[in-house]
Amino acid sequence: MITIEQLRRYALFDTAPDEIAAEDVADTVRQAAFLMRAGNADIDIDVELAEDPMPARFDRRLISQGLTNIIKNATEAIEAVPAEESVAGQEDVRVAAAAERRKARLRSLLETMGSQP
């Protein structure tokens, strides 16, 4: 599990201070998943989010890029499974975000044959 803070620290070397602003984590996750669904119609990308906004201060562009990369890695792992080993319904990517004690927690789970979330 990775927090927004950890992802932010990873990306800070390329962030100008004026790019960090109040944003909605849930909306950022939804948009990243939407973009990845468009390019991977054959893979289920499920998003688990609370209905309420999850406000935080971060660079939306960098966090979106990090989320997109994580989801892309998961879809590429699914595509790497040979067709004869593939099992319908067991090749999903789940992205979840939740607010925990004033922090946003993001999870990306890849469920394929032979892997555990």
PDB file of N, CA and C in Angstrom:
ATOM      1  N   MET A   1       0.846  -1.161   0.000  1.00  0.00           N
ATOM      2  CA  MET A   1       0.000   0.000   0.000  1.00  0.00           C
ATOM      3  C   MET A   1       0.900   1.237   0.000  1.00  0.00           C
ATOM      4  N   ILE A   2       0.548   2.213  -0.789  1.00  0.00           N
ATOM      5  CA  ILE A   2       1.335   3.436  -0.894  1.00  0.00           C
ATOM      6  C   ILE A   2       0.460   4.619  -0.511  1.00  0.00           C
ATOM      7  N   THR A   3       1.020   5.571   0.194  1.00  0.00           N
ATOM      8  CA  THR A   3       0.255   6.758   0.559  1.00  0.00           C
ATOM      9  C   THR A   3       0.548   7.872  -0.435  1.00  0.00           C
ATOM     10  N   ILE A   4      -0.352   8.835  -0.462  1.00  0.00           N
ATOM     11  CA  ILE A   4      -0.135  10.010  -1.309  1.00  0.00           C
ATOM     12  C   ILE A   4       1.181  10.672  -0.904  1.00  0.00           C
ATOM     13  N   GLU A   5       1.457  10.712   0.383  1.00  0.00           N
ATOM     14  CA  GLU A   5       2.696  11.340   0.867  1.00  0.00           C
ATOM     15  C   GLU A   5       3.926  10.631   0.304  1.00  0.00           C
ATOM     16  N   GLN A   6       3.932   9.318   0.281  1.00  0.00           N
ATOM     17  CA  GLN A   6       5.071   8.573  -0.263  1.00  0.00           C
ATOM     18  C   GLN A   6       5.221   8.823  -1.760  1.00  0.00           C
ATOM     19  N   LEU A   7       4.098   8.830  -2.477  1.00  0.00           N
ATOM     20  CA  LEU A   7       4.150   9.099  -3.907  1.00  0.00           C
ATOM     21  C   LEU A   7       4.601  10.537  -4.156  1.00  0.00           C
ATOM     22  N   ARG A   8       4.165  11.451  -3.303  1.00  0.00           N
ATOM     23  CA  ARG A   8       4.567  12.851  -3.430  1.00  0.00           C
ATOM     24  C   ARG A   8       6.068  12.994  -3.202  1.00  0.00           C
ATOM     25  N   ARG A   9       6.591  12.367  -2.160  1.00  0.00           N
ATOM     26  CA  ARG A   9       8.035  12.449  -1.887  1.00  0.00           C
ATOM     27  C   ARG A   9       8.845  11.911  -3.055  1.00  0.00           C
ATOM     28  N   TYR A  10       8.370  10.831  -3.651  1.00  0.00           N
ATOM     29  CA  TYR A  10       9.047  10.237  -4.802  1.00  0.00           C
ATOM     30  C   TYR A  10       9.097  11.215  -5.972  1.00  0.00           C
ATOM     31  N   ALA A  11       8.027  11.984  -6.134  1.00  0.00           N
ATOM     32  CA  ALA A  11       7.913  12.863  -7.291  1.00  0.00           C
ATOM     33  C   ALA A  11       8.378  14.292  -7.034  1.00  0.00           C
ATOM     34  N   LEU A  12       8.694  14.659  -5.806  1.00  0.00           N
ATOM     35  CA  LEU A  12       8.999  16.048  -5.482  1.00  0.00           C
ATOM     36  C   LEU A  12      10.199  16.624  -6.226  1.00  0.00           C
ATOM     37  N   PHE A  13      11.141  15.791  -6.616  1.00  0.00           N
ATOM     38  CA  PHE A  13      12.315  16.318  -7.296  1.00  0.00           C
ATOM     39  C   PHE A  13      11.949  17.049  -8.574  1.00  0.00           C
ATOM     40  N   ASP A  14      10.770  16.787  -9.130  1.00  0.00           N
ATOM     41  CA  ASP A  14      10.351  17.381 -10.394  1.00  0.00           C
ATOM     42  C   ASP A  14       9.155  18.316 -10.217  1.00  0.00           C
ATOM     43  N   THR A  15       8.906  18.780  -8.993  1.00  0.00           N
ATOM     44  CA  THR A  15       7.706  19.550  -8.714  1.00  0.00           C
ATOM     45  C   THR A  15       8.044  20.976  -8.303  1.00  0.00           C
ATOM     46  N   ALA A  16       7.469  21.918  -8.998  1.00  0.00           N
ATOM     47  CA  ALA A  16       7.578  23.310  -8.591  1.00  0.00           C
ATOM     48  C   ALA A  16       6.554  23.551  -7.484  1.00  0.00           C
ATOM     49  N   PRO A  17       6.892  24.367  -6.481  1.00  0.00           N
ATOM     50  CA  PRO A  17       5.970  24.581  -5.351  1.00  0.00           C
ATOM     51  C   PRO A  17       4.587  25.071  -5.770  1.00  0.00           C
ATOM     52  N   ASP A  18       4.489  25.830  -6.854  1.00  0.00           N
ATOM     53  CA  ASP A  18       3.181  26.344  -7.242  1.00  0.00           C
ATOM     54  C   ASP A  18       2.301  25.288  -7.909  1.00  0.00           C
ATOM     55  N   GLU A  19       2.834  24.104  -8.188  1.00  0.00           N
ATOM     56  CA  GLU A  19       2.032  23.035  -8.780  1.00  0.00           C
ATOM     57  C   GLU A  19       1.304  22.214  -7.719  1.00  0.00           C
ATOM     58  N   ILE A  20       1.696  22.360  -6.477  1.00  0.00           N
ATOM     59  CA  ILE A  20       1.026  21.653  -5.384  1.00  0.00           C
ATOM     60  C   ILE A  20      -0.158  22.504  -4.943  1.00  0.00           C
ATOM     61  N   ALA A  21      -1.351  21.912  -5.025  1.00  0.00           N
ATOM     62  CA  ALA A  21      -2.571  22.649  -4.710  1.00  0.00           C
ATOM     63  C   ALA A  21      -3.586  21.711  -4.074  1.00  0.00           C
ATOM     64  N   ALA A  22      -4.639  22.291  -3.542  1.00  0.00           N
ATOM     65  CA  ALA A  22      -5.726  21.494  -2.972  1.00  0.00           C
ATOM     66  C   ALA A  22      -6.456  20.793  -4.109  1.00  0.00           C
ATOM     67  N   GLU A  23      -6.518  19.480  -4.049  1.00  0.00           N
ATOM     68  CA  GLU A  23      -7.137  18.656  -5.084  1.00  0.00           C
ATOM     69  C   GLU A  23      -7.979  17.576  -4.420  1.00  0.00           C
ATOM     70  N   ASP A  24      -8.703  16.814  -5.213  1.00  0.00           N
ATOM     71  CA  ASP A  24      -9.513  15.704  -4.725  1.00  0.00           C
ATOM     72  C   ASP A  24      -8.852  14.394  -5.149  1.00  0.00           C
ATOM     73  N   VAL A  25      -8.394  13.609  -4.186  1.00  0.00           N
ATOM     74  CA  VAL A  25      -7.733  12.340  -4.470  1.00  0.00           C
ATOM     75  C   VAL A  25      -8.680  11.404  -5.224  1.00  0.00           C
ATOM     76  N   ALA A  26      -9.932  11.339  -4.777  1.00  0.00           N
ATOM     77  CA  ALA A  26     -10.903  10.431  -5.406  1.00  0.00           C
ATOM     78  C   ALA A  26     -11.090  10.766  -6.881  1.00  0.00           C
ATOM     79  N   ASP A  27     -11.220  12.042  -7.199  1.00  0.00           N
ATOM     80  CA  ASP A  27     -11.392  12.446  -8.593  1.00  0.00           C
ATOM     81  C   ASP A  27     -10.148  12.118  -9.413  1.00  0.00           C
ATOM     82  N   THR A  28      -8.982  12.300  -8.846  1.00  0.00           N
ATOM     83  CA  THR A  28      -7.732  11.995  -9.537  1.00  0.00           C
ATOM     84  C   THR A  28      -7.642  10.500  -9.847  1.00  0.00           C
ATOM     85  N   VAL A  29      -8.027   9.661  -8.902  1.00  0.00           N
ATOM     86  CA  VAL A  29      -8.020   8.210  -9.101  1.00  0.00           C
ATOM     87  C   VAL A  29      -9.020   7.823 -10.190  1.00  0.00           C
ATOM     88  N   ARG A  30     -10.224   8.384 -10.121  1.00  0.00           N
ATOM     89  CA  ARG A  30     -11.246   8.091 -11.136  1.00  0.00           C
ATOM     90  C   ARG A  30     -10.753   8.429 -12.542  1.00  0.00           C
ATOM     91  N   GLN A  31     -10.137   9.584 -12.688  1.00  0.00           N
ATOM     92  CA  GLN A  31      -9.672  10.003 -14.010  1.00  0.00           C
ATOM     93  C   GLN A  31      -8.536   9.129 -14.530  1.00  0.00           C
ATOM     94  N   ALA A  32      -7.595   8.764 -13.663  1.00  0.00           N
ATOM     95  CA  ALA A  32      -6.496   7.892 -14.092  1.00  0.00           C
ATOM     96  C   ALA A  32      -7.035   6.533 -14.527  1.00  0.00           C
ATOM     97  N   ALA A  33      -7.973   5.978 -13.760  1.00  0.00           N
ATOM     98  CA  ALA A  33      -8.562   4.681 -14.114  1.00  0.00           C
ATOM     99  C   ALA A  33      -9.359   4.785 -15.420  1.00  0.00           C
ATOM    100  N   PHE A  34     -10.078   5.878 -15.605  1.00  0.00           N
ATOM    101  CA  PHE A  34     -10.849   6.072 -16.830  1.00  0.00           C
ATOM    102  C   PHE A  34      -9.934   6.056 -18.056  1.00  0.00           C
ATOM    103  N   LEU A  35      -8.835   6.767 -17.979  1.00  0.00           N
ATOM    104  CA  LEU A  35      -7.892   6.812 -19.102  1.00  0.00           C
ATOM    105  C   LEU A  35      -7.308   5.432 -19.390  1.00  0.00           C
ATOM    106  N   MET A  36      -6.993   4.680 -18.349  1.00  0.00           N
ATOM    107  CA  MET A  36      -6.416   3.352 -18.551  1.00  0.00           C
ATOM    108  C   MET A  36      -7.462   2.368 -19.070  1.00  0.00           C
ATOM    109  N   ARG A  37      -8.720   2.522 -18.687  1.00  0.00           N
ATOM    110  CA  ARG A  37      -9.787   1.667 -19.228  1.00  0.00           C
ATOM    111  C   ARG A  37      -9.927   1.865 -20.731  1.00  0.00           C
ATOM    112  N   ALA A  38      -9.798   3.113 -21.167  1.00  0.00           N
ATOM    113  CA  ALA A  38      -9.957   3.422 -22.588  1.00  0.00           C
ATOM    114  C   ALA A  38      -8.920   2.688 -23.435  1.00  0.00           C
ATOM    115  N   GLY A  39      -7.736   2.508 -22.913  1.00  0.00           N
ATOM    116  CA  GLY A  39      -6.686   1.834 -23.662  1.00  0.00           C
ATOM    117  C   GLY A  39      -6.590   0.346 -23.404  1.00  0.00           C
ATOM    118  N   ASN A  40      -7.399  -0.162 -22.480  1.00  0.00           N
ATOM    119  CA  ASN A  40      -7.343  -1.575 -22.107  1.00  0.00           C
ATOM    120  C   ASN A  40      -8.754  -2.126 -21.945  1.00  0.00           C
ATOM    121  N   ALA A  41      -9.543  -2.050 -22.988  1.00  0.00           N
ATOM    122  CA  ALA A  41     -10.950  -2.443 -22.914  1.00  0.00           C
ATOM    123  C   ALA A  41     -11.144  -3.907 -22.547  1.00  0.00           C
ATOM    124  N   ASP A  42     -10.145  -4.752 -22.798  1.00  0.00           N
ATOM    125  CA  ASP A  42     -10.273  -6.179 -22.523  1.00  0.00           C
ATOM    126  C   ASP A  42      -9.901  -6.555 -21.087  1.00  0.00           C
ATOM    127  N   ILE A  43      -9.489  -5.581 -20.279  1.00  0.00           N
ATOM    128  CA  ILE A  43      -9.109  -5.833 -18.882  1.00  0.00           C
ATOM    129  C   ILE A  43     -10.037  -5.029 -17.981  1.00  0.00           C
ATOM    130  N   ASP A  44     -10.582  -5.676 -16.949  1.00  0.00           N
ATOM    131  CA  ASP A  44     -11.436  -4.980 -15.990  1.00  0.00           C
ATOM    132  C   ASP A  44     -10.570  -4.165 -15.041  1.00  0.00           C
ATOM    133  N   ILE A  45     -10.806  -2.871 -15.001  1.00  0.00           N
ATOM    134  CA  ILE A  45     -10.123  -1.990 -14.057  1.00  0.00           C
ATOM    135  C   ILE A  45     -11.198  -1.430 -13.151  1.00  0.00           C
ATOM    136  N   ASP A  46     -11.260  -1.966 -11.938  1.00  0.00           N
ATOM    137  CA  ASP A  46     -12.281  -1.577 -10.978  1.00  0.00           C
ATOM    138  C   ASP A  46     -11.722  -0.527 -10.026  1.00  0.00           C
ATOM    139  N   VAL A  47     -12.572   0.409  -9.647  1.00  0.00           N
ATOM    140  CA  VAL A  47     -12.175   1.479  -8.729  1.00  0.00           C
ATOM    141  C   VAL A  47     -13.066   1.404  -7.505  1.00  0.00           C
ATOM    142  N   GLU A  48     -12.452   1.397  -6.337  1.00  0.00           N
ATOM    143  CA  GLU A  48     -13.187   1.382  -5.068  1.00  0.00           C
ATOM    144  C   GLU A  48     -12.899   2.688  -4.344  1.00  0.00           C
ATOM    145  N   LEU A  49     -13.917   3.537  -4.256  1.00  0.00           N
ATOM    146  CA  LEU A  49     -13.770   4.842  -3.619  1.00  0.00           C
ATOM    147  C   LEU A  49     -14.995   5.161  -2.785  1.00  0.00           C
ATOM    148  N   ALA A  50     -14.786   5.954  -1.756  1.00  0.00           N
ATOM    149  CA  ALA A  50     -15.914   6.477  -1.002  1.00  0.00           C
ATOM    150  C   ALA A  50     -16.597   7.536  -1.858  1.00  0.00           C
ATOM    151  N   GLU A  51     -17.857   7.788  -1.604  1.00  0.00           N
ATOM    152  CA  GLU A  51     -18.595   8.802  -2.363  1.00  0.00           C
ATOM    153  C   GLU A  51     -18.100  10.214  -2.060  1.00  0.00           C
ATOM    154  N   ASP A  52     -17.642  10.424  -0.838  1.00  0.00           N
ATOM    155  CA  ASP A  52     -17.218  11.758  -0.429  1.00  0.00           C
ATOM    156  C   ASP A  52     -15.881  12.127  -1.059  1.00  0.00           C
ATOM    157  N   PRO A  53     -15.677  13.418  -1.314  1.00  0.00           N
ATOM    158  CA  PRO A  53     -14.373  13.866  -1.819  1.00  0.00           C
ATOM    159  C   PRO A  53     -13.282  13.581  -0.781  1.00  0.00           C
ATOM    160  N   MET A  54     -12.068  13.429  -1.260  1.00  0.00           N
ATOM    161  CA  MET A  54     -10.918  13.220  -0.375  1.00  0.00           C
ATOM    162  C   MET A  54      -9.912  14.332  -0.658  1.00  0.00           C
ATOM    163  N   PRO A  55     -10.096  15.484  -0.001  1.00  0.00           N
ATOM    164  CA  PRO A  55      -9.228  16.618  -0.276  1.00  0.00           C
ATOM    165  C   PRO A  55      -7.814  16.400   0.260  1.00  0.00           C
ATOM    166  N   ALA A  56      -6.842  16.870  -0.509  1.00  0.00           N
ATOM    167  CA  ALA A  56      -5.437  16.796  -0.101  1.00  0.00           C
ATOM    168  C   ALA A  56      -4.664  17.821  -0.944  1.00  0.00           C
ATOM    169  N   ARG A  57      -3.473  18.143  -0.511  1.00  0.00           N
ATOM    170  CA  ARG A  57      -2.610  19.045  -1.270  1.00  0.00           C
ATOM    171  C   ARG A  57      -1.553  18.204  -1.971  1.00  0.00           C
ATOM    172  N   PHE A  58      -1.554  18.256  -3.295  1.00  0.00           N
ATOM    173  CA  PHE A  58      -0.574  17.499  -4.065  1.00  0.00           C
ATOM    174  C   PHE A  58      -0.509  18.036  -5.483  1.00  0.00           C
ATOM    175  N   ASP A  59       0.509  17.602  -6.205  1.00  0.00           N
ATOM    176  CA  ASP A  59       0.653  17.944  -7.619  1.00  0.00           C
ATOM    177  C   ASP A  59      -0.163  16.919  -8.399  1.00  0.00           C
ATOM    178  N   ARG A  60      -1.305  17.334  -8.879  1.00  0.00           N
ATOM    179  CA  ARG A  60      -2.232  16.423  -9.550  1.00  0.00           C
ATOM    180  C   ARG A  60      -1.588  15.735 -10.756  1.00  0.00           C
ATOM    181  N   ARG A  61      -0.801  16.469 -11.511  1.00  0.00           N
ATOM    182  CA  ARG A  61      -0.172  15.906 -12.709  1.00  0.00           C
ATOM    183  C   ARG A  61       0.754  14.753 -12.339  1.00  0.00           C
ATOM    184  N   LEU A  62       1.573  14.944 -11.320  1.00  0.00           N
ATOM    185  CA  LEU A  62       2.524  13.893 -10.944  1.00  0.00           C
ATOM    186  C   LEU A  62       1.841  12.691 -10.299  1.00  0.00           C
ATOM    187  N   ILE A  63       0.854  12.942  -9.460  1.00  0.00           N
ATOM    188  CA  ILE A  63       0.140  11.827  -8.832  1.00  0.00           C
ATOM    189  C   ILE A  63      -0.620  11.042  -9.902  1.00  0.00           C
ATOM    190  N   SER A  64      -1.242  11.741 -10.847  1.00  0.00           N
ATOM    191  CA  SER A  64      -1.935  11.061 -11.948  1.00  0.00           C
ATOM    192  C   SER A  64      -0.964  10.218 -12.760  1.00  0.00           C
ATOM    193  N   GLN A  65       0.203  10.761 -13.014  1.00  0.00           N
ATOM    194  CA  GLN A  65       1.220  10.026 -13.774  1.00  0.00           C
ATOM    195  C   GLN A  65       1.653   8.771 -13.006  1.00  0.00           C
ATOM    196  N   GLY A  66       1.856   8.904 -11.694  1.00  0.00           N
ATOM    197  CA  GLY A  66       2.232   7.744 -10.882  1.00  0.00           C
ATOM    198  C   GLY A  66       1.150   6.675 -10.875  1.00  0.00           C
ATOM    199  N   LEU A  67      -0.110   7.088 -10.717  1.00  0.00           N
ATOM    200  CA  LEU A  67      -1.227   6.136 -10.738  1.00  0.00           C
ATOM    201  C   LEU A  67      -1.337   5.451 -12.097  1.00  0.00           C
ATOM    202  N   THR A  68      -1.204   6.225 -13.148  1.00  0.00           N
ATOM    203  CA  THR A  68      -1.277   5.665 -14.493  1.00  0.00           C
ATOM    204  C   THR A  68      -0.183   4.626 -14.700  1.00  0.00           C
ATOM    205  N   ASN A  69       1.021   4.913 -14.223  1.00  0.00           N
ATOM    206  CA  ASN A  69       2.130   3.957 -14.355  1.00  0.00           C
ATOM    207  C   ASN A  69       1.863   2.671 -13.581  1.00  0.00           C
ATOM    208  N   ILE A  70       1.309   2.797 -12.376  1.00  0.00           N
ATOM    209  CA  ILE A  70       1.011   1.612 -11.563  1.00  0.00           C
ATOM    210  C   ILE A  70      -0.046   0.752 -12.262  1.00  0.00           C
ATOM    211  N   ILE A  71      -1.104   1.391 -12.759  1.00  0.00           N
ATOM    212  CA  ILE A  71      -2.161   0.648 -13.446  1.00  0.00           C
ATOM    213  C   ILE A  71      -1.622   0.042 -14.739  1.00  0.00           C
ATOM    214  N   LYS A  72      -0.796   0.786 -15.449  1.00  0.00           N
ATOM    215  CA  LYS A  72      -0.204   0.273 -16.691  1.00  0.00           C
ATOM    216  C   LYS A  72       0.646  -0.961 -16.418  1.00  0.00           C
ATOM    217  N   ASN A  73       1.447  -0.928 -15.345  1.00  0.00           N
ATOM    218  CA  ASN A  73       2.254  -2.097 -14.987  1.00  0.00           C
ATOM    219  C   ASN A  73       1.372  -3.306 -14.717  1.00  0.00           C
ATOM    220  N   ALA A  74       0.245  -3.090 -14.047  1.00  0.00           N
ATOM    221  CA  ALA A  74      -0.673  -4.197 -13.755  1.00  0.00           C
ATOM    222  C   ALA A  74      -1.285  -4.752 -15.036  1.00  0.00           C
ATOM    223  N   THR A  75      -1.689  -3.872 -15.952  1.00  0.00           N
ATOM    224  CA  THR A  75      -2.284  -4.366 -17.198  1.00  0.00           C
ATOM    225  C   THR A  75      -1.253  -5.100 -18.040  1.00  0.00           C
ATOM    226  N   GLU A  76      -0.019  -4.643 -18.022  1.00  0.00           N
ATOM    227  CA  GLU A  76       1.034  -5.333 -18.771  1.00  0.00           C
ATOM    228  C   GLU A  76       1.328  -6.708 -18.174  1.00  0.00           C
ATOM    229  N   ALA A  77       1.224  -6.818 -16.855  1.00  0.00           N
ATOM    230  CA  ALA A  77       1.417  -8.127 -16.213  1.00  0.00           C
ATOM    231  C   ALA A  77       0.307  -9.087 -16.640  1.00  0.00           C
ATOM    232  N   ILE A  78      -0.902  -8.591 -16.742  1.00  0.00           N
ATOM    233  CA  ILE A  78      -2.018  -9.432 -17.191  1.00  0.00           C
ATOM    234  C   ILE A  78      -1.799  -9.874 -18.630  1.00  0.00           C
ATOM    235  N   GLU A  79      -1.388  -8.941 -19.474  1.00  0.00           N
ATOM    236  CA  GLU A  79      -1.164  -9.258 -20.883  1.00  0.00           C
ATOM    237  C   GLU A  79      -0.023 -10.251 -21.076  1.00  0.00           C
ATOM    238  N   ALA A  80       0.883 -10.333 -20.113  1.00  0.00           N
ATOM    239  CA  ALA A  80       2.021 -11.235 -20.222  1.00  0.00           C
ATOM    240  C   ALA A  80       1.651 -12.691 -19.921  1.00  0.00           C
ATOM    241  N   VAL A  81       0.465 -12.909 -19.332  1.00  0.00           N
ATOM    242  CA  VAL A  81       0.020 -14.273 -19.037  1.00  0.00           C
ATOM    243  C   VAL A  81      -0.389 -14.935 -20.356  1.00  0.00           C
ATOM    244  N   PRO A  82       0.207 -16.080 -20.686  1.00  0.00           N
ATOM    245  CA  PRO A  82      -0.163 -16.764 -21.932  1.00  0.00           C
ATOM    246  C   PRO A  82      -1.662 -17.090 -21.957  1.00  0.00           C
ATOM    247  N   ALA A  83      -2.259 -16.987 -23.122  1.00  0.00           N
ATOM    248  CA  ALA A  83      -3.711 -17.199 -23.280  1.00  0.00           C
ATOM    249  C   ALA A  83      -4.160 -18.542 -22.719  1.00  0.00           C
ATOM    250  N   GLU A  84      -3.340 -19.594 -22.910  1.00  0.00           N
ATOM    251  CA  GLU A  84      -3.737 -20.926 -22.429  1.00  0.00           C
ATOM    252  C   GLU A  84      -3.729 -21.026 -20.901  1.00  0.00           C
ATOM    253  N   GLU A  85      -3.064 -20.090 -20.214  1.00  0.00           N
ATOM    254  CA  GLU A  85      -3.044 -20.087 -18.748  1.00  0.00           C
ATOM    255  C   GLU A  85      -4.041 -19.093 -18.167  1.00  0.00           C
ATOM    256  N   SER A  86      -4.644 -18.302 -19.001  1.00  0.00           N
ATOM    257  CA  SER A  86      -5.576 -17.270 -18.562  1.00  0.00           C
ATOM    258  C   SER A  86      -6.900 -17.895 -18.131  1.00  0.00           C
ATOM    259  N   VAL A  87      -7.469 -17.368 -17.058  1.00  0.00           N
ATOM    260  CA  VAL A  87      -8.765 -17.822 -16.562  1.00  0.00           C
ATOM    261  C   VAL A  87      -9.698 -16.623 -16.536  1.00  0.00           C
ATOM    262  N   ALA A  88     -10.828 -16.727 -17.230  1.00  0.00           N
ATOM    263  CA  ALA A  88     -11.783 -15.616 -17.299  1.00  0.00           C
ATOM    264  C   ALA A  88     -12.207 -15.185 -15.906  1.00  0.00           C
ATOM    265  N   GLY A  89     -12.252 -13.881 -15.683  1.00  0.00           N
ATOM    266  CA  GLY A  89     -12.683 -13.343 -14.399  1.00  0.00           C
ATOM    267  C   GLY A  89     -11.585 -13.244 -13.368  1.00  0.00           C
ATOM    268  N   GLN A  90     -10.419 -13.792 -13.660  1.00  0.00           N
ATOM    269  CA  GLN A  90      -9.325 -13.722 -12.701  1.00  0.00           C
ATOM    270  C   GLN A  90      -8.239 -12.747 -13.149  1.00  0.00           C
ATOM    271  N   GLU A  91      -8.565 -11.915 -14.094  1.00  0.00           N
ATOM    272  CA  GLU A  91      -7.593 -10.945 -14.573  1.00  0.00           C
ATOM    273  C   GLU A  91      -8.183  -9.555 -14.427  1.00  0.00           C
ATOM    274  N   ASP A  92      -8.127  -9.049 -13.233  1.00  0.00           N
ATOM    275  CA  ASP A  92      -8.680  -7.746 -12.917  1.00  0.00           C
ATOM    276  C   ASP A  92      -7.629  -6.890 -12.240  1.00  0.00           C
ATOM    277  N   VAL A  93      -7.771  -5.591 -12.413  1.00  0.00           N
ATOM    278  CA  VAL A  93      -6.969  -4.620 -11.681  1.00  0.00           C
ATOM    279  C   VAL A  93      -7.948  -3.853 -10.808  1.00  0.00           C
ATOM    280  N   ARG A  94      -7.653  -3.790  -9.529  1.00  0.00           N
ATOM    281  CA  ARG A  94      -8.493  -3.014  -8.623  1.00  0.00           C
ATOM    282  C   ARG A  94      -7.669  -1.875  -8.057  1.00  0.00           C
ATOM    283  N   VAL A  95      -8.225  -0.689  -8.118  1.00  0.00           N
ATOM    284  CA  VAL A  95      -7.581   0.491  -7.560  1.00  0.00           C
ATOM    285  C   VAL A  95      -8.507   1.010  -6.471  1.00  0.00           C
ATOM    286  N   ALA A  96      -7.966   1.194  -5.280  1.00  0.00           N
ATOM    287  CA  ALA A  96      -8.787   1.660  -4.168  1.00  0.00           C
ATOM    288  C   ALA A  96      -8.112   2.849  -3.503  1.00  0.00           C
ATOM    289  N   ALA A  97      -8.926   3.766  -3.028  1.00  0.00           N
ATOM    290  CA  ALA A  97      -8.425   4.902  -2.272  1.00  0.00           C
ATOM    291  C   ALA A  97      -9.362   5.129  -1.101  1.00  0.00           C
ATOM    292  N   ALA A  98      -8.783   5.427   0.042  1.00  0.00           N
ATOM    293  CA  ALA A  98      -9.582   5.678   1.231  1.00  0.00           C
ATOM    294  C   ALA A  98      -8.866   6.689   2.117  1.00  0.00           C
ATOM    295  N   ALA A  99      -9.635   7.463   2.823  1.00  0.00           N
ATOM    296  CA  ALA A  99      -9.073   8.420   3.778  1.00  0.00           C
ATOM    297  C   ALA A  99      -8.862   7.703   5.096  1.00  0.00           C
ATOM    298  N   GLU A 100      -7.655   7.801   5.630  1.00  0.00           N
ATOM    299  CA  GLU A 100      -7.326   7.178   6.917  1.00  0.00           C
ATOM    300  C   GLU A 100      -6.545   8.168   7.758  1.00  0.00           C
ATOM    301  N   ARG A 101      -7.139   8.604   8.827  1.00  0.00           N
ATOM    302  CA  ARG A 101      -6.487   9.528   9.758  1.00  0.00           C
ATOM    303  C   ARG A 101      -5.789  10.681   9.049  1.00  0.00           C
ATOM    304  N   ARG A 102      -6.530  11.404   8.261  1.00  0.00           N
ATOM    305  CA  ARG A 102      -6.049  12.597   7.557  1.00  0.00           C
ATOM    306  C   ARG A 102      -5.021  12.296   6.475  1.00  0.00           C
ATOM    307  N   LYS A 103      -4.954  11.047   6.048  1.00  0.00           N
ATOM    308  CA  LYS A 103      -4.092  10.671   4.934  1.00  0.00           C
ATOM    309  C   LYS A 103      -4.922   9.897   3.931  1.00  0.00           C
ATOM    310  N   ALA A 104      -4.539   9.986   2.688  1.00  0.00           N
ATOM    311  CA  ALA A 104      -5.200   9.193   1.655  1.00  0.00           C
ATOM    312  C   ALA A 104      -4.341   7.969   1.385  1.00  0.00           C
ATOM    313  N   ARG A 105      -4.941   6.801   1.397  1.00  0.00           N
ATOM    314  CA  ARG A 105      -4.238   5.557   1.095  1.00  0.00           C
ATOM    315  C   ARG A 105      -4.711   5.047  -0.255  1.00  0.00           C
ATOM    316  N   LEU A 106      -3.761   4.701  -1.098  1.00  0.00           N
ATOM    317  CA  LEU A 106      -4.074   4.150  -2.414  1.00  0.00           C
ATOM    318  C   LEU A 106      -3.600   2.718  -2.467  1.00  0.00           C
ATOM    319  N   ARG A 107      -4.407   1.861  -3.080  1.00  0.00           N
ATOM    320  CA  ARG A 107      -4.016   0.465  -3.270  1.00  0.00           C
ATOM    321  C   ARG A 107      -4.287   0.092  -4.703  1.00  0.00           C
ATOM    322  N   SER A 108      -3.388  -0.649  -5.256  1.00  0.00           N
ATOM    323  CA  SER A 108      -3.614  -1.221  -6.578  1.00  0.00           C
ATOM    324  C   SER A 108      -3.393  -2.713  -6.436  1.00  0.00           C
ATOM    325  N   LEU A 109      -4.409  -3.473  -6.724  1.00  0.00           N
ATOM    326  CA  LEU A 109      -4.325  -4.931  -6.610  1.00  0.00           C
ATOM    327  C   LEU A 109      -4.455  -5.561  -7.976  1.00  0.00           C
ATOM    328  N   LEU A 110      -3.584  -6.478  -8.250  1.00  0.00           N
ATOM    329  CA  LEU A 110      -3.614  -7.213  -9.501  1.00  0.00           C
ATOM    330  C   LEU A 110      -3.996  -8.641  -9.158  1.00  0.00           C
ATOM    331  N   GLU A 111      -5.078  -9.107  -9.737  1.00  0.00           N
ATOM    332  CA  GLU A 111      -5.514 -10.470  -9.491  1.00  0.00           C
ATOM    333  C   GLU A 111      -5.401 -11.262 -10.777  1.00  0.00           C
ATOM    334  N   THR A 112      -4.426 -12.129 -10.834  1.00  0.00           N
ATOM    335  CA  THR A 112      -4.286 -13.016 -11.985  1.00  0.00           C
ATOM    336  C   THR A 112      -4.067 -14.419 -11.455  1.00  0.00           C
ATOM    337  N   MET A 113      -4.162 -15.343 -12.329  1.00  0.00           N
ATOM    338  CA  MET A 113      -3.911 -16.728 -11.965  1.00  0.00           C
ATOM    339  C   MET A 113      -2.523 -16.846 -11.347  1.00  0.00           C
ATOM    340  N   GLY A 114      -2.453 -17.381 -10.147  1.00  0.00           N
ATOM    341  CA  GLY A 114      -1.156 -17.595  -9.503  1.00  0.00           C
ATOM    342  C   GLY A 114      -0.662 -16.442  -8.671  1.00  0.00           C
ATOM    343  N   SER A 115      -1.387 -15.326  -8.591  1.00  0.00           N
ATOM    344  CA  SER A 115      -0.920 -14.226  -7.746  1.00  0.00           C
ATOM    345  C   SER A 115      -1.958 -13.943  -6.676  1.00  0.00           C
ATOM    346  N   GLN A 116      -1.496 -13.472  -5.561  1.00  0.00           N
ATOM    347  CA  GLN A 116      -2.354 -13.127  -4.452  1.00  0.00           C
ATOM    348  C   GLN A 116      -2.377 -11.613  -4.297  1.00  0.00           C
ATOM    349  N   PRO A 117      -3.550 -11.010  -3.996  1.00  0.00           N
ATOM    350  CA  PRO A 117      -3.601  -9.551  -3.814  1.00  0.00           C
ATOM    351  C   PRO A 117      -2.868  -9.136  -2.558  1.00  0.00           C
TER     352      PRO A 117
END
